[in-house]
Protein backbone atom coordinates (compact mmCIF):
# COMPACT_ATOMS: atom_id res chain seq x y z
CA MET A 1 0.00 0.00 0.00
CA ASN A 2 1.33 3.45 -0.85
CA ASP A 3 0.85 6.66 1.18
CA LYS A 4 -2.05 7.82 -0.99
CA GLU A 5 -4.23 4.78 -0.34
CA PRO A 6 -6.15 4.65 2.94
CA PRO A 7 -6.11 1.44 4.91
CA GLU A 8 -8.99 -0.85 3.93
CA SER A 9 -10.07 -0.96 7.57
CA LEU A 10 -11.23 2.67 7.40
CA ASP A 11 -14.92 2.39 8.28
CA PHE A 12 -17.45 3.64 5.76
CA SER A 13 -20.68 2.41 7.31
CA TRP A 14 -23.80 4.53 7.41
CA SER A 15 -23.95 6.32 10.75
CA ASP A 16 -25.44 9.39 12.37
CA THR A 17 -22.34 11.35 11.38
CA PHE A 18 -23.72 11.43 7.82
CA VAL A 19 -27.23 12.60 8.79
CA LEU A 20 -27.91 16.15 7.53
CA GLY A 21 -31.55 16.50 8.55
CA TYR A 22 -33.16 16.72 5.12
CA GLN A 23 -34.74 13.29 4.73
CA PRO A 24 -34.72 13.01 0.91
CA MET A 25 -30.98 13.73 0.92
CA ASP A 26 -30.25 11.48 3.89
CA ASN A 27 -32.04 8.58 2.19
CA THR A 28 -30.03 9.06 -1.00
CA HIS A 29 -26.78 9.33 0.94
CA ARG A 30 -27.49 6.09 2.80
CA GLU A 31 -27.88 4.33 -0.55
CA PHE A 32 -24.66 5.97 -1.82
CA VAL A 33 -22.71 4.56 1.15
CA GLU A 34 -24.17 1.09 0.56
CA ILE A 35 -23.30 1.09 -3.14
CA VAL A 36 -19.75 2.37 -2.61
CA ASN A 37 -19.18 -0.39 -0.06
CA GLU A 38 -20.58 -2.90 -2.56
CA LEU A 39 -18.05 -1.66 -5.15
CA ILE A 40 -15.21 -2.14 -2.70
CA ASP A 41 -16.30 -5.57 -1.44
CA CYS A 42 -18.02 -7.37 -4.34
CA PRO A 43 -16.33 -10.25 -6.17
CA ASP A 44 -14.57 -9.34 -9.40
CA HIS A 45 -17.19 -11.15 -11.50
CA ASP A 46 -19.89 -8.82 -10.07
CA PHE A 47 -17.87 -5.62 -10.29
CA LEU A 48 -19.18 -4.35 -13.62
CA LEU A 49 -22.77 -4.92 -12.48
CA SER A 50 -22.06 -3.01 -9.24
CA LEU A 51 -20.46 -0.21 -11.24
CA GLU A 52 -23.56 0.02 -13.42
CA LYS A 53 -25.69 0.13 -10.24
CA PHE A 54 -23.51 3.01 -9.03
CA LYS A 55 -24.08 4.88 -12.30
CA VAL A 56 -27.87 4.60 -12.02
CA HIS A 57 -27.71 5.75 -8.41
CA ALA A 58 -25.26 8.61 -9.05
CA LEU A 59 -27.22 9.98 -12.01
CA SER A 60 -30.36 10.02 -9.89
CA HIS A 61 -28.62 11.28 -6.71
CA PHE A 62 -26.60 14.04 -8.36
CA GLY A 63 -29.40 14.88 -10.78
CA LEU A 64 -31.84 15.45 -7.94
CA GLU A 65 -29.44 17.63 -5.98
CA ASP A 66 -28.51 19.57 -9.14
CA GLN A 67 -32.20 20.12 -9.86
CA TRP A 68 -32.84 21.41 -6.33
CA MET A 69 -29.93 23.83 -6.65
CA LYS A 70 -31.04 25.16 -10.02
CA GLU A 71 -34.74 25.44 -9.14
CA THR A 72 -34.08 27.23 -5.85
CA GLU A 73 -31.09 29.31 -7.03
CA PHE A 74 -28.83 27.82 -4.36
CA PRO A 75 -25.91 30.27 -3.95
CA ALA A 76 -23.09 27.68 -4.02
CA GLY A 77 -24.72 25.66 -6.80
CA ASP A 78 -22.01 26.00 -9.45
CA CYS A 79 -19.27 24.57 -7.24
CA HIS A 80 -21.48 21.75 -5.99
CA ILE A 81 -22.73 20.83 -9.46
CA GLY A 82 -19.12 20.92 -10.66
CA GLU A 83 -18.10 18.32 -8.09
CA HIS A 84 -20.91 16.05 -9.21
CA ALA A 85 -19.81 16.45 -12.83
CA ALA A 86 -16.19 15.63 -11.92
CA VAL A 87 -17.25 12.43 -10.17
CA MET A 88 -19.28 11.37 -13.21
CA ALA A 89 -16.40 12.18 -15.58
CA SER A 90 -14.11 9.98 -13.48
CA PHE A 91 -16.78 7.30 -13.42
CA GLU A 92 -16.91 7.20 -17.22
CA GLU A 93 -13.14 6.69 -17.42
CA VAL A 94 -13.26 3.96 -14.77
CA TYR A 95 -16.23 2.27 -16.43
CA ALA A 96 -14.42 2.08 -19.77
CA LEU A 97 -11.48 0.37 -18.04
CA ALA A 98 -13.74 -1.97 -16.08
CA LYS A 99 -15.42 -3.10 -19.29
CA GLN A 100 -11.92 -4.22 -20.37
CA GLY A 101 -11.54 -6.20 -17.13
CA ASP A 102 -9.67 -3.65 -14.98
CA THR A 103 -11.35 -3.95 -11.60
CA ASP A 104 -8.35 -2.57 -9.67
CA THR A 105 -8.83 0.94 -11.05
CA GLY A 106 -12.54 0.69 -10.32
CA ARG A 107 -11.94 -0.32 -6.72
CA GLY A 108 -9.49 2.57 -6.40
CA PHE A 109 -12.26 4.87 -7.63
CA ALA A 110 -14.59 3.43 -4.98
CA ARG A 111 -11.97 4.02 -2.26
CA GLU A 112 -11.61 7.61 -3.47
CA LEU A 113 -15.40 8.04 -3.27
CA LYS A 114 -15.20 6.73 0.31
CA ASN A 115 -12.63 9.43 1.09
CA TRP A 116 -14.42 12.18 -0.87
CA PHE A 117 -17.94 11.74 0.42
CA PRO A 118 -17.56 12.78 4.11
CA GLY A 119 -16.05 16.16 3.18
CA HIS A 120 -18.53 16.70 0.36
CA ALA A 121 -21.41 15.90 2.71
CA ASP A 122 -20.05 18.03 5.57
CA TYR A 123 -19.58 21.14 3.47
CA LEU A 124 -21.54 21.22 0.25
CA ASP A 125 -24.39 18.84 1.03
CA SER A 126 -24.99 20.14 4.55
CA ALA A 127 -25.40 23.67 3.20
CA LEU A 128 -27.83 22.41 0.57
CA ALA A 129 -29.74 20.36 3.17
CA HIS A 130 -30.13 23.45 5.37
CA TRP A 131 -31.19 25.51 2.36
CA MET A 132 -33.80 22.96 1.28
CA PHE A 133 -35.08 22.38 4.81
CA LYS A 134 -35.47 26.11 5.38
CA ARG A 135 -37.38 26.51 2.10
CA THR A 136 -39.61 23.56 2.98
CA HIS A 137 -40.06 24.02 6.74
CA GLY A 138 -38.98 27.58 7.50
CA GLY A 139 -35.87 26.85 9.57
CA LYS A 140 -32.71 24.79 9.88
CA PRO A 141 -33.03 21.07 10.66
CA VAL A 142 -32.34 19.76 14.13
CA VAL A 143 -30.06 16.75 13.92
CA LEU A 144 -29.52 14.50 16.90
CA ARG A 145 -26.52 12.19 16.66
CA ARG A 146 -25.88 9.18 18.82
CA THR A 147 -22.39 9.10 20.24
CA ILE A 148 -22.57 5.71 21.91
CA LYS A 149 -19.73 3.53 20.73
CA GLU A 150 -19.98 -0.23 20.86
CA THR A 151 -17.23 -2.00 22.73
CA ASN A 152 -16.42 -5.65 23.00
CA LEU A 153 -16.68 -6.56 26.64
């Protein structure tokens, strides 16, 4: 493993740390986490199918967020939409390689998504979630996060 690759043990399970308080977005993000984990963990013979599943999800996920930003004139929309477009451009390159049998590059892409998503959600998506919640409900969402950690006793 080189310095740029995170250890595989880095947890990327859905947890309260990803909850932003806007339910449609939280539901989509939960599915994103599940699909990225599937890309990392699936057998090689299922990788292309999992990659295609990711594409369907990402087009819907990013498309919905992009639509919200455009329809509501979200101030940071251009930057956010640009990140989505960059992910999809990378996906297309990875998909072309995967169709030729290169699953290693595809799994590297999935690991990069695992590293990218928390920051994207914390900054860009949280601002959009607050914006959408305020437009829908008149205020910022209240998010309660559990901090109980399981221990092996």
